[in-house]
Amino acid sequence: MQNIRKEDIKQEVFDLYDDYAHNRLNRRDFMQKLTVYAVGGITVTSLMSFLMPDYQGALQVKPDDPRVQSTYITYDSPKGGGTIKALLAMPAGTPIKRGGIVVVHENRGLNPYIEDVARRAALAGFIAIAPDALTPLGGYPGDDDKGRELQSKRDKNEMLEDFIAGYDHLIKHKDCNGKVGVVGFCFGGGIANLMAVRIPGLAAAVPFYGGQPPAEDVPKIKAPLLLHYAGLDTRVNEGWPVYEAALKANGKAYTVYIYPNVNHGFHNDTTPRYDKAAAELAWQRTIDFFKEKLQS
């Protein structure tokens, strides 16, 4: 593959990828629009390869890391998809009571990046559950394009029920201290916001560039919020002013960070949208927040 540098790629290419990743462009139209930017010896094929995720090359906590105990489990989601598969991760060693974190995936199922995030949460001292909302359709298929296609076939409200059931499962786990929060990314960020609306006992919610709940539902939120937004993410950010106004009007506890000059998906270290400085800062803020809310 040609050696393409992130700084040589125009912002419009990342905007096109965002449209493609969120099913506003099909693959054919995406590739056709990329031809405008295939210049200077860069081909459409090399651009596509550059933009696609590299999961195995980016894992921070590998599945066999001896510091983490992780296993696949199933739990019941009677209002959602029935039996749901999830990755359960916790620190290795003698079990103790720990704060719990539900890790909610993007719009493509439980891919290796989200599993890695769950293991990172475990490494930070929590017990984490990362459900796969694609379980009723066979689970994450090993390919993000197919994953997005599958997830588009599921009802969003039923998927929300699957993650709420994941919260219910985790809070009853013998190694959980009874305090459970949620972190979600993209689609998962929107789910994190909705879980804050739906679950009175939720101890903390951290949406990364997630869609906002209806303003009329904000009074139902009890959990403190830590919200991360990408400065270049005009699509998601346009809903923030109304959400913030509702949070303020209802006296809700929230902290928001908008990271300048980074794209939607900046935390995902498997694609070129990743911004190392912003991702590491946002994750450290997330872990500090969870330590305060789930372990104190």
C-alpha atoms as a PDB file:
ATOM      1  CA  MET A   1       0.000   0.000   0.000  1.00  0.00           C
ATOM      2  CA  GLN A   2       1.147   3.522  -0.725  1.00  0.00           C
ATOM      3  CA  ASN A   3       2.590   5.412   2.208  1.00  0.00           C
ATOM      4  CA  ILE A   4      -0.170   7.890   3.042  1.00  0.00           C
ATOM      5  CA  ARG A   5       0.225  10.351   5.880  1.00  0.00           C
ATOM      6  CA  LYS A   6      -2.734  11.575   7.896  1.00  0.00           C
ATOM      7  CA  GLU A   7      -1.636  15.199   7.504  1.00  0.00           C
ATOM      8  CA  ASP A   8      -1.814  14.860   3.717  1.00  0.00           C
ATOM      9  CA  ILE A   9      -5.497  13.895   3.772  1.00  0.00           C
ATOM     10  CA  LYS A  10      -8.068  16.659   3.369  1.00  0.00           C
ATOM     11  CA  GLN A  11     -10.760  17.014   6.019  1.00  0.00           C
ATOM     12  CA  GLU A  12     -13.385  16.346   3.358  1.00  0.00           C
ATOM     13  CA  VAL A  13     -12.088  12.760   3.095  1.00  0.00           C
ATOM     14  CA  PHE A  14     -12.680  12.202   6.810  1.00  0.00           C
ATOM     15  CA  ASP A  15     -16.135  13.755   6.455  1.00  0.00           C
ATOM     16  CA  LEU A  16     -16.894  11.339   3.623  1.00  0.00           C
ATOM     17  CA  TYR A  17     -15.704   8.431   5.747  1.00  0.00           C
ATOM     18  CA  ASP A  18     -18.017   9.599   8.537  1.00  0.00           C
ATOM     19  CA  ASP A  19     -20.950   9.539   6.108  1.00  0.00           C
ATOM     20  CA  TYR A  20     -19.923   6.067   4.946  1.00  0.00           C
ATOM     21  CA  ALA A  21     -19.386   4.735   8.475  1.00  0.00           C
ATOM     22  CA  HIS A  22     -22.847   5.943   9.488  1.00  0.00           C
ATOM     23  CA  ASN A  23     -24.674   4.510   6.466  1.00  0.00           C
ATOM     24  CA  ARG A  24     -25.353   7.828   4.782  1.00  0.00           C
ATOM     25  CA  LEU A  25     -23.217   6.720   1.843  1.00  0.00           C
ATOM     26  CA  ASN A  26     -23.054   3.228   0.394  1.00  0.00           C
ATOM     27  CA  ARG A  27     -19.691   1.742  -0.517  1.00  0.00           C
ATOM     28  CA  ARG A  28     -20.054   2.436  -4.220  1.00  0.00           C
ATOM     29  CA  ASP A  29     -20.900   6.123  -3.741  1.00  0.00           C
ATOM     30  CA  PHE A  30     -18.169   6.478  -1.122  1.00  0.00           C
ATOM     31  CA  MET A  31     -15.539   5.152  -3.503  1.00  0.00           C
ATOM     32  CA  GLN A  32     -16.849   7.314  -6.318  1.00  0.00           C
ATOM     33  CA  LYS A  33     -16.613  10.462  -4.190  1.00  0.00           C
ATOM     34  CA  LEU A  34     -13.092   9.494  -3.092  1.00  0.00           C
ATOM     35  CA  THR A  35     -11.898   9.724  -6.699  1.00  0.00           C
ATOM     36  CA  VAL A  36     -11.777  13.518  -6.329  1.00  0.00           C
ATOM     37  CA  TYR A  37      -9.073  13.112  -3.678  1.00  0.00           C
ATOM     38  CA  ALA A  38      -7.091  10.358  -5.415  1.00  0.00           C
ATOM     39  CA  VAL A  39      -4.363  12.678  -6.663  1.00  0.00           C
ATOM     40  CA  GLY A  40      -0.590  12.870  -6.600  1.00  0.00           C
ATOM     41  CA  GLY A  41      -0.133   9.140  -7.080  1.00  0.00           C
ATOM     42  CA  ILE A  42      -2.715   8.235  -4.396  1.00  0.00           C
ATOM     43  CA  THR A  43      -5.306   5.767  -5.658  1.00  0.00           C
ATOM     44  CA  VAL A  44      -8.852   5.211  -4.439  1.00  0.00           C
ATOM     45  CA  THR A  45      -7.840   1.719  -3.323  1.00  0.00           C
ATOM     46  CA  SER A  46      -4.975   3.045  -1.233  1.00  0.00           C
ATOM     47  CA  LEU A  47      -7.245   5.711   0.289  1.00  0.00           C
ATOM     48  CA  MET A  48      -9.791   3.048   1.214  1.00  0.00           C
ATOM     49  CA  SER A  49      -7.095   0.882   2.801  1.00  0.00           C
ATOM     50  CA  PHE A  50      -5.772   3.860   4.725  1.00  0.00           C
ATOM     51  CA  LEU A  51      -9.201   4.704   6.146  1.00  0.00           C
ATOM     52  CA  MET A  52     -10.228   1.198   7.176  1.00  0.00           C
ATOM     53  CA  PRO A  53      -9.535  -0.015  10.744  1.00  0.00           C
ATOM     54  CA  ASP A  54      -6.417  -1.970  11.675  1.00  0.00           C
ATOM     55  CA  TYR A  55      -7.554  -3.928  14.700  1.00  0.00           C
ATOM     56  CA  GLN A  56      -4.723  -6.323  15.361  1.00  0.00           C
ATOM     57  CA  GLY A  57      -2.044  -3.676  14.975  1.00  0.00           C
ATOM     58  CA  ALA A  58      -3.655  -1.353  17.505  1.00  0.00           C
ATOM     59  CA  LEU A  59      -4.604  -3.539  20.482  1.00  0.00           C
ATOM     60  CA  GLN A  60      -3.419  -1.948  23.730  1.00  0.00           C
ATOM     61  CA  VAL A  61      -4.385  -4.843  26.030  1.00  0.00           C
ATOM     62  CA  LYS A  62      -4.223  -8.147  24.201  1.00  0.00           C
ATOM     63  CA  PRO A  63      -6.756 -10.894  24.930  1.00  0.00           C
ATOM     64  CA  ASP A  64      -4.093 -13.055  26.600  1.00  0.00           C
ATOM     65  CA  ASP A  65      -2.697 -10.260  28.787  1.00  0.00           C
ATOM     66  CA  PRO A  66      -1.987 -11.942  32.151  1.00  0.00           C
ATOM     67  CA  ARG A  67      -3.040  -8.819  34.041  1.00  0.00           C
ATOM     68  CA  VAL A  68      -6.639  -9.193  32.911  1.00  0.00           C
ATOM     69  CA  GLN A  69      -9.138 -12.007  33.238  1.00  0.00           C
ATOM     70  CA  SER A  70     -11.597 -11.894  30.348  1.00  0.00           C
ATOM     71  CA  THR A  71     -14.180 -14.356  29.139  1.00  0.00           C
ATOM     72  CA  TYR A  72     -17.261 -14.448  26.952  1.00  0.00           C
ATOM     73  CA  ILE A  73     -20.542 -14.828  28.767  1.00  0.00           C
ATOM     74  CA  THR A  74     -24.232 -14.695  27.931  1.00  0.00           C
ATOM     75  CA  TYR A  75     -27.065 -13.029  29.796  1.00  0.00           C
ATOM     76  CA  ASP A  76     -30.809 -12.665  29.343  1.00  0.00           C
ATOM     77  CA  SER A  77     -32.368  -9.606  27.713  1.00  0.00           C
ATOM     78  CA  PRO A  78     -36.101 -10.392  27.804  1.00  0.00           C
ATOM     79  CA  LYS A  79     -37.196  -6.981  26.460  1.00  0.00           C
ATOM     80  CA  GLY A  80     -34.484  -6.909  23.821  1.00  0.00           C
ATOM     81  CA  GLY A  81     -32.804  -9.600  21.769  1.00  0.00           C
ATOM     82  CA  GLY A  82     -33.136 -12.544  24.139  1.00  0.00           C
ATOM     83  CA  THR A  83     -29.797 -14.154  24.965  1.00  0.00           C
ATOM     84  CA  ILE A  84     -26.926 -11.664  24.519  1.00  0.00           C
ATOM     85  CA  LYS A  85     -23.230 -12.485  24.265  1.00  0.00           C
ATOM     86  CA  ALA A  86     -20.759 -10.189  26.008  1.00  0.00           C
ATOM     87  CA  LEU A  87     -17.127  -9.932  26.965  1.00  0.00           C
ATOM     88  CA  LEU A  88     -16.651  -9.774  30.734  1.00  0.00           C
ATOM     89  CA  ALA A  89     -13.274  -8.425  31.856  1.00  0.00           C
ATOM     90  CA  MET A  90     -11.762  -7.773  35.272  1.00  0.00           C
ATOM     91  CA  PRO A  91      -8.316  -7.542  36.844  1.00  0.00           C
ATOM     92  CA  ALA A  92      -6.599 -10.886  37.331  1.00  0.00           C
ATOM     93  CA  GLY A  93      -5.873 -12.096  40.836  1.00  0.00           C
ATOM     94  CA  THR A  94      -7.898 -12.418  44.003  1.00  0.00           C
ATOM     95  CA  PRO A  95     -11.464 -11.219  43.394  1.00  0.00           C
ATOM     96  CA  ILE A  96     -12.608  -8.144  45.287  1.00  0.00           C
ATOM     97  CA  LYS A  97     -15.670  -5.948  45.002  1.00  0.00           C
ATOM     98  CA  ARG A  98     -15.188  -3.469  42.173  1.00  0.00           C
ATOM     99  CA  GLY A  99     -17.096  -0.760  40.369  1.00  0.00           C
ATOM    100  CA  GLY A 100     -18.709  -1.932  37.149  1.00  0.00           C
ATOM    101  CA  ILE A 101     -18.631  -0.404  33.669  1.00  0.00           C
ATOM    102  CA  VAL A 102     -20.881  -1.232  30.727  1.00  0.00           C
ATOM    103  CA  VAL A 103     -18.932  -0.635  27.512  1.00  0.00           C
ATOM    104  CA  VAL A 104     -21.227   0.136  24.568  1.00  0.00           C
ATOM    105  CA  HIS A 105     -19.977  -0.422  21.038  1.00  0.00           C
ATOM    106  CA  GLU A 106     -20.310   1.702  17.915  1.00  0.00           C
ATOM    107  CA  ASN A 107     -22.737   0.941  15.077  1.00  0.00           C
ATOM    108  CA  ARG A 108     -21.037  -2.290  14.015  1.00  0.00           C
ATOM    109  CA  GLY A 109     -21.149  -4.685  16.955  1.00  0.00           C
ATOM    110  CA  LEU A 110     -18.576  -5.908  19.424  1.00  0.00           C
ATOM    111  CA  ASN A 111     -15.415  -5.494  17.369  1.00  0.00           C
ATOM    112  CA  PRO A 112     -11.820  -5.903  18.632  1.00  0.00           C
ATOM    113  CA  TYR A 113     -11.487  -2.189  19.470  1.00  0.00           C
ATOM    114  CA  ILE A 114     -14.428  -2.264  21.890  1.00  0.00           C
ATOM    115  CA  GLU A 115     -13.221  -5.514  23.431  1.00  0.00           C
ATOM    116  CA  ASP A 116      -9.870  -3.791  23.921  1.00  0.00           C
ATOM    117  CA  VAL A 117     -11.585  -0.860  25.648  1.00  0.00           C
ATOM    118  CA  ALA A 118     -13.266  -3.306  28.045  1.00  0.00           C
ATOM    119  CA  ARG A 119      -9.891  -4.821  28.886  1.00  0.00           C
ATOM    120  CA  ARG A 120      -8.433  -1.333  29.394  1.00  0.00           C
ATOM    121  CA  ALA A 121     -11.239  -0.630  31.870  1.00  0.00           C
ATOM    122  CA  ALA A 122     -10.396  -3.879  33.667  1.00  0.00           C
ATOM    123  CA  LEU A 123      -6.735  -2.945  33.756  1.00  0.00           C
ATOM    124  CA  ALA A 124      -7.760   0.312  35.431  1.00  0.00           C
ATOM    125  CA  GLY A 125      -9.375  -1.665  38.258  1.00  0.00           C
ATOM    126  CA  PHE A 126     -13.000  -2.170  37.183  1.00  0.00           C
ATOM    127  CA  ILE A 127     -15.187  -5.076  36.179  1.00  0.00           C
ATOM    128  CA  ALA A 128     -16.388  -4.370  32.653  1.00  0.00           C
ATOM    129  CA  ILE A 129     -19.045  -5.896  30.445  1.00  0.00           C
ATOM    130  CA  ALA A 130     -19.094  -5.270  26.692  1.00  0.00           C
ATOM    131  CA  PRO A 131     -22.302  -6.651  25.149  1.00  0.00           C
ATOM    132  CA  ASP A 132     -22.703  -7.469  21.465  1.00  0.00           C
ATOM    133  CA  ALA A 133     -26.024  -6.123  20.221  1.00  0.00           C
ATOM    134  CA  LEU A 134     -25.548  -8.192  17.060  1.00  0.00           C
ATOM    135  CA  THR A 135     -25.930 -11.449  19.021  1.00  0.00           C
ATOM    136  CA  PRO A 136     -29.502 -12.086  17.762  1.00  0.00           C
ATOM    137  CA  LEU A 137     -28.154 -11.872  14.186  1.00  0.00           C
ATOM    138  CA  GLY A 138     -25.154 -14.105  14.792  1.00  0.00           C
ATOM    139  CA  GLY A 139     -22.831 -11.613  16.486  1.00  0.00           C
ATOM    140  CA  TYR A 140     -20.112  -9.333  15.171  1.00  0.00           C
ATOM    141  CA  PRO A 141     -19.214 -10.888  11.796  1.00  0.00           C
ATOM    142  CA  GLY A 142     -15.523  -9.992  11.812  1.00  0.00           C
ATOM    143  CA  ASP A 143     -15.989  -7.225   9.267  1.00  0.00           C
ATOM    144  CA  ASP A 144     -17.150  -3.689  10.029  1.00  0.00           C
ATOM    145  CA  ASP A 145     -19.071  -3.222   6.769  1.00  0.00           C
ATOM    146  CA  LYS A 146     -21.073  -6.362   7.434  1.00  0.00           C
ATOM    147  CA  GLY A 147     -21.394  -5.356  11.081  1.00  0.00           C
ATOM    148  CA  ARG A 148     -22.970  -2.017  10.156  1.00  0.00           C
ATOM    149  CA  GLU A 149     -25.316  -3.778   7.770  1.00  0.00           C
ATOM    150  CA  LEU A 150     -26.411  -6.196  10.474  1.00  0.00           C
ATOM    151  CA  GLN A 151     -26.840  -3.518  13.121  1.00  0.00           C
ATOM    152  CA  SER A 152     -29.050  -1.473  10.792  1.00  0.00           C
ATOM    153  CA  LYS A 153     -31.464  -4.420  10.816  1.00  0.00           C
ATOM    154  CA  ARG A 154     -31.978  -4.257  14.569  1.00  0.00           C
ATOM    155  CA  ASP A 155     -34.406  -1.965  16.362  1.00  0.00           C
ATOM    156  CA  LYS A 156     -32.570   0.725  18.344  1.00  0.00           C
ATOM    157  CA  ASN A 157     -34.965   0.520  21.291  1.00  0.00           C
ATOM    158  CA  GLU A 158     -34.459  -3.238  21.529  1.00  0.00           C
ATOM    159  CA  MET A 159     -30.692  -2.740  21.479  1.00  0.00           C
ATOM    160  CA  LEU A 160     -31.061  -0.191  24.280  1.00  0.00           C
ATOM    161  CA  GLU A 161     -32.878  -2.879  26.273  1.00  0.00           C
ATOM    162  CA  ASP A 162     -29.956  -5.245  25.657  1.00  0.00           C
ATOM    163  CA  PHE A 163     -27.505  -2.798  27.228  1.00  0.00           C
ATOM    164  CA  ILE A 164     -29.851  -2.037  30.118  1.00  0.00           C
ATOM    165  CA  ALA A 165     -30.041  -5.796  30.715  1.00  0.00           C
ATOM    166  CA  GLY A 166     -26.227  -5.822  30.638  1.00  0.00           C
ATOM    167  CA  TYR A 167     -26.271  -3.225  33.417  1.00  0.00           C
ATOM    168  CA  ASP A 168     -28.715  -5.389  35.382  1.00  0.00           C
ATOM    169  CA  HIS A 169     -26.466  -8.414  34.935  1.00  0.00           C
ATOM    170  CA  LEU A 170     -23.320  -6.585  35.973  1.00  0.00           C
ATOM    171  CA  ILE A 171     -24.746  -4.905  39.056  1.00  0.00           C
ATOM    172  CA  LYS A 172     -25.744  -8.346  40.389  1.00  0.00           C
ATOM    173  CA  HIS A 173     -22.328  -9.878  39.703  1.00  0.00           C
ATOM    174  CA  LYS A 174     -20.668 -11.250  42.824  1.00  0.00           C
ATOM    175  CA  ASP A 175     -17.539  -9.158  42.216  1.00  0.00           C
ATOM    176  CA  CYS A 176     -19.395  -5.879  41.603  1.00  0.00           C
ATOM    177  CA  ASN A 177     -19.717  -3.393  44.447  1.00  0.00           C
ATOM    178  CA  GLY A 178     -23.174  -2.303  43.328  1.00  0.00           C
ATOM    179  CA  LYS A 179     -22.032   0.849  41.523  1.00  0.00           C
ATOM    180  CA  VAL A 180     -22.192   0.635  37.740  1.00  0.00           C
ATOM    181  CA  GLY A 181     -21.500   3.251  35.087  1.00  0.00           C
ATOM    182  CA  VAL A 182     -21.530   3.255  31.308  1.00  0.00           C
ATOM    183  CA  VAL A 183     -19.133   4.423  28.605  1.00  0.00           C
ATOM    184  CA  GLY A 184     -20.136   4.388  24.953  1.00  0.00           C
ATOM    185  CA  PHE A 185     -18.732   5.468  21.625  1.00  0.00           C
ATOM    186  CA  CYS A 186     -20.630   6.931  18.658  1.00  0.00           C
ATOM    187  CA  PHE A 187     -23.869   4.873  18.607  1.00  0.00           C
ATOM    188  CA  GLY A 188     -22.755   3.726  22.045  1.00  0.00           C
ATOM    189  CA  GLY A 189     -22.434   7.335  23.186  1.00  0.00           C
ATOM    190  CA  GLY A 190     -26.073   7.860  22.307  1.00  0.00           C
ATOM    191  CA  ILE A 191     -26.968   4.670  24.178  1.00  0.00           C
ATOM    192  CA  ALA A 192     -25.005   5.922  27.209  1.00  0.00           C
ATOM    193  CA  ASN A 193     -27.114   9.090  27.206  1.00  0.00           C
ATOM    194  CA  LEU A 194     -30.317   7.041  26.931  1.00  0.00           C
ATOM    195  CA  MET A 195     -29.227   4.708  29.719  1.00  0.00           C
ATOM    196  CA  ALA A 196     -28.773   7.780  31.922  1.00  0.00           C
ATOM    197  CA  VAL A 197     -32.390   8.650  31.143  1.00  0.00           C
ATOM    198  CA  ARG A 198     -33.699   5.134  31.704  1.00  0.00           C
ATOM    199  CA  ILE A 199     -31.734   3.861  34.722  1.00  0.00           C
ATOM    200  CA  PRO A 200     -32.287   5.814  37.981  1.00  0.00           C
ATOM    201  CA  GLY A 201     -29.526   3.883  39.743  1.00  0.00           C
ATOM    202  CA  LEU A 202     -26.851   4.431  37.105  1.00  0.00           C
ATOM    203  CA  ALA A 203     -23.785   5.754  38.938  1.00  0.00           C
ATOM    204  CA  ALA A 204     -22.057   7.546  36.035  1.00  0.00           C
ATOM    205  CA  ALA A 205     -22.343   7.976  32.269  1.00  0.00           C
ATOM    206  CA  VAL A 206     -19.578   8.842  29.805  1.00  0.00           C
ATOM    207  CA  PRO A 207     -20.768   9.330  26.216  1.00  0.00           C
ATOM    208  CA  PHE A 208     -18.053   9.783  23.588  1.00  0.00           C
ATOM    209  CA  TYR A 209     -19.426  11.831  20.663  1.00  0.00           C
ATOM    210  CA  GLY A 210     -22.885  10.440  21.261  1.00  0.00           C
ATOM    211  CA  GLY A 211     -26.277  11.593  20.089  1.00  0.00           C
ATOM    212  CA  GLN A 212     -28.291  13.466  22.665  1.00  0.00           C
ATOM    213  CA  PRO A 213     -31.556  12.326  24.249  1.00  0.00           C
ATOM    214  CA  PRO A 214     -34.747  14.348  23.791  1.00  0.00           C
ATOM    215  CA  ALA A 215     -34.671  17.491  25.923  1.00  0.00           C
ATOM    216  CA  GLU A 216     -37.952  16.501  27.578  1.00  0.00           C
ATOM    217  CA  ASP A 217     -36.272  13.368  28.954  1.00  0.00           C
ATOM    218  CA  VAL A 218     -33.412  15.207  30.656  1.00  0.00           C
ATOM    219  CA  PRO A 219     -35.311  15.621  33.965  1.00  0.00           C
ATOM    220  CA  LYS A 220     -35.174  11.816  34.342  1.00  0.00           C
ATOM    221  CA  ILE A 221     -31.365  11.778  34.426  1.00  0.00           C
ATOM    222  CA  LYS A 222     -29.905  11.049  37.854  1.00  0.00           C
ATOM    223  CA  ALA A 223     -26.360   9.995  36.966  1.00  0.00           C
ATOM    224  CA  PRO A 224     -23.507  12.507  36.720  1.00  0.00           C
ATOM    225  CA  LEU A 225     -22.327  12.896  33.130  1.00  0.00           C
ATOM    226  CA  LEU A 226     -18.891  13.280  31.591  1.00  0.00           C
ATOM    227  CA  LEU A 227     -19.312  14.126  27.918  1.00  0.00           C
ATOM    228  CA  HIS A 228     -16.595  14.044  25.247  1.00  0.00           C
ATOM    229  CA  TYR A 229     -17.096  15.717  21.869  1.00  0.00           C
ATOM    230  CA  ALA A 230     -14.850  16.109  18.837  1.00  0.00           C
ATOM    231  CA  GLY A 231     -14.361  19.678  17.642  1.00  0.00           C
ATOM    232  CA  LEU A 232     -14.736  18.770  13.949  1.00  0.00           C
ATOM    233  CA  ASP A 233     -17.812  16.595  14.498  1.00  0.00           C
ATOM    234  CA  THR A 234     -20.458  19.051  13.326  1.00  0.00           C
ATOM    235  CA  ARG A 235     -23.010  16.260  12.795  1.00  0.00           C
ATOM    236  CA  VAL A 236     -23.175  15.234  16.469  1.00  0.00           C
ATOM    237  CA  ASN A 237     -22.231  18.575  17.978  1.00  0.00           C
ATOM    238  CA  GLU A 238     -25.230  20.373  16.527  1.00  0.00           C
ATOM    239  CA  GLY A 239     -27.393  18.702  19.164  1.00  0.00           C
ATOM    240  CA  TRP A 240     -25.223  19.762  22.097  1.00  0.00           C
ATOM    241  CA  PRO A 241     -26.503  23.329  22.743  1.00  0.00           C
ATOM    242  CA  VAL A 242     -30.093  22.154  23.276  1.00  0.00           C
ATOM    243  CA  TYR A 243     -28.915  19.256  25.455  1.00  0.00           C
ATOM    244  CA  GLU A 244     -26.698  21.502  27.554  1.00  0.00           C
ATOM    245  CA  ALA A 245     -29.504  24.022  28.009  1.00  0.00           C
ATOM    246  CA  ALA A 246     -31.768  21.249  29.285  1.00  0.00           C
ATOM    247  CA  LEU A 247     -29.069  19.935  31.620  1.00  0.00           C
ATOM    248  CA  LYS A 248     -28.548  23.409  33.049  1.00  0.00           C
ATOM    249  CA  ALA A 249     -32.255  24.144  33.336  1.00  0.00           C
ATOM    250  CA  ASN A 250     -32.780  20.934  35.305  1.00  0.00           C
ATOM    251  CA  GLY A 251     -29.724  21.310  37.544  1.00  0.00           C
ATOM    252  CA  LYS A 252     -28.010  18.147  36.290  1.00  0.00           C
ATOM    253  CA  ALA A 253     -24.402  17.326  37.149  1.00  0.00           C
ATOM    254  CA  TYR A 254     -22.282  17.277  34.016  1.00  0.00           C
ATOM    255  CA  THR A 255     -18.819  18.076  32.714  1.00  0.00           C
ATOM    256  CA  VAL A 256     -18.201  18.495  28.995  1.00  0.00           C
ATOM    257  CA  TYR A 257     -14.997  18.559  26.987  1.00  0.00           C
ATOM    258  CA  ILE A 258     -14.871  19.507  23.324  1.00  0.00           C
ATOM    259  CA  TYR A 259     -11.509  18.518  21.865  1.00  0.00           C
ATOM    260  CA  PRO A 260     -10.448  20.996  19.178  1.00  0.00           C
ATOM    261  CA  ASN A 261      -9.387  19.954  15.679  1.00  0.00           C
ATOM    262  CA  VAL A 262     -10.189  16.254  16.088  1.00  0.00           C
ATOM    263  CA  ASN A 263     -12.696  14.096  14.258  1.00  0.00           C
ATOM    264  CA  HIS A 264     -15.609  11.980  15.355  1.00  0.00           C
ATOM    265  CA  GLY A 265     -14.115   8.673  16.450  1.00  0.00           C
ATOM    266  CA  PHE A 266     -10.927  10.255  17.757  1.00  0.00           C
ATOM    267  CA  HIS A 267     -10.686   7.700  20.569  1.00  0.00           C
ATOM    268  CA  ASN A 268     -10.708   4.735  18.193  1.00  0.00           C
ATOM    269  CA  ASP A 269      -7.025   3.979  17.702  1.00  0.00           C
ATOM    270  CA  THR A 270      -7.624   1.591  14.810  1.00  0.00           C
ATOM    271  CA  THR A 271      -8.407   4.266  12.188  1.00  0.00           C
ATOM    272  CA  PRO A 272      -6.716   7.475  10.979  1.00  0.00           C
ATOM    273  CA  ARG A 273      -9.340   9.555  12.763  1.00  0.00           C
ATOM    274  CA  TYR A 274      -7.542   8.629  15.976  1.00  0.00           C
ATOM    275  CA  ASP A 275      -5.890  11.508  17.789  1.00  0.00           C
ATOM    276  CA  LYS A 276      -3.437  10.168  20.341  1.00  0.00           C
ATOM    277  CA  ALA A 277      -3.268  13.258  22.568  1.00  0.00           C
ATOM    278  CA  ALA A 278      -7.034  13.797  22.716  1.00  0.00           C
ATOM    279  CA  ALA A 279      -7.763  10.077  23.124  1.00  0.00           C
ATOM    280  CA  GLU A 280      -5.346   9.593  25.999  1.00  0.00           C
ATOM    281  CA  LEU A 281      -6.555  12.732  27.763  1.00  0.00           C
ATOM    282  CA  ALA A 282     -10.215  11.780  27.339  1.00  0.00           C
ATOM    283  CA  TRP A 283      -9.573   8.242  28.574  1.00  0.00           C
ATOM    284  CA  GLN A 284      -7.649   9.430  31.627  1.00  0.00           C
ATOM    285  CA  ARG A 285     -10.490  11.820  32.446  1.00  0.00           C
ATOM    286  CA  THR A 286     -12.922   8.935  32.013  1.00  0.00           C
ATOM    287  CA  ILE A 287     -11.023   6.622  34.355  1.00  0.00           C
ATOM    288  CA  ASP A 288     -10.606   9.369  36.962  1.00  0.00           C
ATOM    289  CA  PHE A 289     -14.339  10.079  36.754  1.00  0.00           C
ATOM    290  CA  PHE A 290     -15.236   6.419  37.190  1.00  0.00           C
ATOM    291  CA  LYS A 291     -12.841   6.059  40.119  1.00  0.00           C
ATOM    292  CA  GLU A 292     -14.567   8.981  41.815  1.00  0.00           C
ATOM    293  CA  LYS A 293     -18.126   7.791  41.102  1.00  0.00           C
ATOM    294  CA  LEU A 294     -17.798   3.998  41.246  1.00  0.00           C
ATOM    295  CA  GLN A 295     -15.116   3.320  43.828  1.00  0.00           C
ATOM    296  CA  SER A 296     -15.656   5.947  46.496  1.00  0.00           C
END
